[in-house]
Amino acid sequence: MTPRLTSEFRVKALLRRVHDAGGSAMVLAKGDAMAGAILIVALERGQAPTCWERDFAGTGITRCGPADTDPQDVDAYWRRRRQSDPDLWVIELDIAAAERFAAETIASN
């Protein structure tokens, strides 16, 4: 069996990288430490939230969630996801190029 980084390790690395770059990052919902999926709510200056998650191949991230960027719709989306998957991590990133930070940290092997 090939060793994998845990979800908690990936989340902590992502939070640290975003904070070191001068952005804001916080855990909105804590999931399973070992293998929980990670959902990113990406903002830039508190505006236009979009959702991203690791793709099935584990090689990148893909956009998910509502097509619009209404904060209430995005909030309702991740809360519904948590109801069906309590192991899901939900991380909010407020930094320019949040998708890049997420892809480089949660999608890398």
C-alpha atoms as a PDB file:
ATOM      1  CA  MET A   1       0.000   0.000   0.000  1.00  0.00           C
ATOM      2  CA  THR A   2       1.330   3.417  -0.965  1.00  0.00           C
ATOM      3  CA  PRO A   3       1.403   5.903   1.915  1.00  0.00           C
ATOM      4  CA  ARG A   4      -0.823   8.970   1.495  1.00  0.00           C
ATOM      5  CA  LEU A   5      -0.934  12.331   3.175  1.00  0.00           C
ATOM      6  CA  THR A   6      -3.897  12.633   5.511  1.00  0.00           C
ATOM      7  CA  SER A   7      -6.660  15.144   4.918  1.00  0.00           C
ATOM      8  CA  GLU A   8      -5.785  16.924   8.140  1.00  0.00           C
ATOM      9  CA  PHE A   9      -2.151  17.284   7.036  1.00  0.00           C
ATOM     10  CA  ARG A  10      -3.239  18.724   3.670  1.00  0.00           C
ATOM     11  CA  VAL A  11      -5.607  21.187   5.371  1.00  0.00           C
ATOM     12  CA  LYS A  12      -2.950  22.369   7.821  1.00  0.00           C
ATOM     13  CA  ALA A  13      -0.451  22.830   4.974  1.00  0.00           C
ATOM     14  CA  LEU A  14      -3.004  24.811   2.968  1.00  0.00           C
ATOM     15  CA  LEU A  15      -3.854  27.070   5.918  1.00  0.00           C
ATOM     16  CA  ARG A  16      -0.174  27.710   6.586  1.00  0.00           C
ATOM     17  CA  ARG A  17       0.617  28.499   2.926  1.00  0.00           C
ATOM     18  CA  VAL A  18      -2.277  30.940   2.591  1.00  0.00           C
ATOM     19  CA  HIS A  19      -1.444  32.703   5.874  1.00  0.00           C
ATOM     20  CA  ASP A  20       2.241  32.925   4.895  1.00  0.00           C
ATOM     21  CA  ALA A  21       1.211  34.578   1.625  1.00  0.00           C
ATOM     22  CA  GLY A  22      -0.823  37.228   3.480  1.00  0.00           C
ATOM     23  CA  GLY A  23      -4.251  35.741   2.891  1.00  0.00           C
ATOM     24  CA  SER A  24      -6.959  34.543   5.213  1.00  0.00           C
ATOM     25  CA  ALA A  25      -7.848  30.890   5.646  1.00  0.00           C
ATOM     26  CA  MET A  26     -10.139  29.161   8.097  1.00  0.00           C
ATOM     27  CA  VAL A  27     -11.788  25.829   8.708  1.00  0.00           C
ATOM     28  CA  LEU A  28     -15.564  26.188   8.382  1.00  0.00           C
ATOM     29  CA  ALA A  29     -16.175  22.502   9.108  1.00  0.00           C
ATOM     30  CA  LYS A  30     -13.736  19.863  10.305  1.00  0.00           C
ATOM     31  CA  GLY A  31     -13.955  16.483   8.591  1.00  0.00           C
ATOM     32  CA  ASP A  32     -12.341  13.100   9.006  1.00  0.00           C
ATOM     33  CA  ALA A  33      -8.657  13.523   9.858  1.00  0.00           C
ATOM     34  CA  MET A  34      -7.468  10.607   7.769  1.00  0.00           C
ATOM     35  CA  ALA A  35      -9.454  10.538   4.554  1.00  0.00           C
ATOM     36  CA  GLY A  36     -12.164  13.219   4.504  1.00  0.00           C
ATOM     37  CA  ALA A  37     -12.793  15.014   1.244  1.00  0.00           C
ATOM     38  CA  ILE A  38     -11.807  18.700   1.179  1.00  0.00           C
ATOM     39  CA  LEU A  39     -14.117  21.388  -0.186  1.00  0.00           C
ATOM     40  CA  ILE A  40     -12.639  24.845  -0.761  1.00  0.00           C
ATOM     41  CA  VAL A  41     -14.757  27.993  -0.637  1.00  0.00           C
ATOM     42  CA  ALA A  42     -12.577  30.504  -2.485  1.00  0.00           C
ATOM     43  CA  LEU A  43     -13.037  34.254  -2.139  1.00  0.00           C
ATOM     44  CA  GLU A  44     -11.089  37.276  -3.212  1.00  0.00           C
ATOM     45  CA  ARG A  45     -11.447  40.247  -0.868  1.00  0.00           C
ATOM     46  CA  GLY A  46     -14.562  38.682   0.603  1.00  0.00           C
ATOM     47  CA  GLN A  47     -16.402  38.661  -2.729  1.00  0.00           C
ATOM     48  CA  ALA A  48     -17.652  36.162  -5.300  1.00  0.00           C
ATOM     49  CA  PRO A  49     -17.281  32.826  -3.491  1.00  0.00           C
ATOM     50  CA  THR A  50     -16.711  29.739  -5.621  1.00  0.00           C
ATOM     51  CA  CYS A  51     -16.354  26.113  -4.558  1.00  0.00           C
ATOM     52  CA  TRP A  52     -13.551  23.747  -5.552  1.00  0.00           C
ATOM     53  CA  GLU A  53     -12.683  20.168  -4.664  1.00  0.00           C
ATOM     54  CA  ARG A  54     -10.133  17.535  -5.556  1.00  0.00           C
ATOM     55  CA  ASP A  55     -11.019  15.709  -8.763  1.00  0.00           C
ATOM     56  CA  PHE A  56     -11.602  11.963  -8.804  1.00  0.00           C
ATOM     57  CA  ALA A  57      -8.188  11.243 -10.285  1.00  0.00           C
ATOM     58  CA  GLY A  58      -6.521  13.207  -7.485  1.00  0.00           C
ATOM     59  CA  THR A  59      -4.453  15.185  -9.959  1.00  0.00           C
ATOM     60  CA  GLY A  60      -6.163  18.559  -9.769  1.00  0.00           C
ATOM     61  CA  ILE A  61      -9.211  20.412  -8.546  1.00  0.00           C
ATOM     62  CA  THR A  62     -12.573  20.979 -10.166  1.00  0.00           C
ATOM     63  CA  ARG A  63     -15.221  23.640  -9.736  1.00  0.00           C
ATOM     64  CA  CYS A  64     -18.345  22.487  -7.946  1.00  0.00           C
ATOM     65  CA  GLY A  65     -21.383  23.990  -6.283  1.00  0.00           C
ATOM     66  CA  PRO A  66     -23.761  26.681  -7.460  1.00  0.00           C
ATOM     67  CA  ALA A  67     -23.093  28.440 -10.756  1.00  0.00           C
ATOM     68  CA  ASP A  68     -23.733  31.855  -9.248  1.00  0.00           C
ATOM     69  CA  THR A  69     -21.548  33.411  -6.594  1.00  0.00           C
ATOM     70  CA  ASP A  70     -24.262  34.391  -4.142  1.00  0.00           C
ATOM     71  CA  PRO A  71     -22.759  33.851  -0.669  1.00  0.00           C
ATOM     72  CA  GLN A  72     -26.040  32.446   0.676  1.00  0.00           C
ATOM     73  CA  ASP A  73     -26.231  29.860  -2.132  1.00  0.00           C
ATOM     74  CA  VAL A  74     -22.611  28.822  -1.568  1.00  0.00           C
ATOM     75  CA  ASP A  75     -23.198  28.558   2.192  1.00  0.00           C
ATOM     76  CA  ALA A  76     -26.331  26.448   1.648  1.00  0.00           C
ATOM     77  CA  TYR A  77     -24.419  24.225  -0.797  1.00  0.00           C
ATOM     78  CA  TRP A  78     -21.596  23.290   1.548  1.00  0.00           C
ATOM     79  CA  ARG A  79     -24.016  22.787   4.457  1.00  0.00           C
ATOM     80  CA  ARG A  80     -26.063  20.334   2.345  1.00  0.00           C
ATOM     81  CA  ARG A  81     -22.861  18.516   1.401  1.00  0.00           C
ATOM     82  CA  ARG A  82     -21.919  18.216   5.099  1.00  0.00           C
ATOM     83  CA  GLN A  83     -25.322  16.741   5.917  1.00  0.00           C
ATOM     84  CA  SER A  84     -24.730  13.897   3.468  1.00  0.00           C
ATOM     85  CA  ASP A  85     -20.977  13.612   4.171  1.00  0.00           C
ATOM     86  CA  PRO A  86     -20.005  14.475   7.759  1.00  0.00           C
ATOM     87  CA  ASP A  87     -16.374  13.545   6.960  1.00  0.00           C
ATOM     88  CA  LEU A  88     -16.110  16.531   4.568  1.00  0.00           C
ATOM     89  CA  TRP A  89     -13.695  19.335   5.414  1.00  0.00           C
ATOM     90  CA  VAL A  90     -14.848  22.827   4.386  1.00  0.00           C
ATOM     91  CA  ILE A  91     -12.083  25.416   4.110  1.00  0.00           C
ATOM     92  CA  GLU A  92     -12.546  29.097   3.287  1.00  0.00           C
ATOM     93  CA  LEU A  93      -9.682  30.858   1.520  1.00  0.00           C
ATOM     94  CA  ASP A  94      -9.646  34.612   0.960  1.00  0.00           C
ATOM     95  CA  ILE A  95      -6.638  35.320  -1.215  1.00  0.00           C
ATOM     96  CA  ALA A  96      -5.907  36.111  -4.854  1.00  0.00           C
ATOM     97  CA  ALA A  97      -5.553  32.902  -6.888  1.00  0.00           C
ATOM     98  CA  ALA A  98      -7.120  30.740  -4.182  1.00  0.00           C
ATOM     99  CA  GLU A  99      -7.663  27.974  -6.743  1.00  0.00           C
ATOM    100  CA  ARG A 100      -3.916  27.799  -7.346  1.00  0.00           C
ATOM    101  CA  PHE A 101      -3.150  27.445  -3.635  1.00  0.00           C
ATOM    102  CA  ALA A 102      -5.800  24.732  -3.329  1.00  0.00           C
ATOM    103  CA  ALA A 103      -4.599  22.823  -6.391  1.00  0.00           C
ATOM    104  CA  GLU A 104      -0.964  22.912  -5.349  1.00  0.00           C
ATOM    105  CA  THR A 105      -1.716  21.744  -1.811  1.00  0.00           C
ATOM    106  CA  ILE A 106      -4.711  19.394  -1.777  1.00  0.00           C
ATOM    107  CA  ALA A 107      -4.297  17.832  -5.224  1.00  0.00           C
ATOM    108  CA  SER A 108      -0.603  17.008  -5.004  1.00  0.00           C
ATOM    109  CA  ASN A 109       0.413  13.467  -4.104  1.00  0.00           C
END
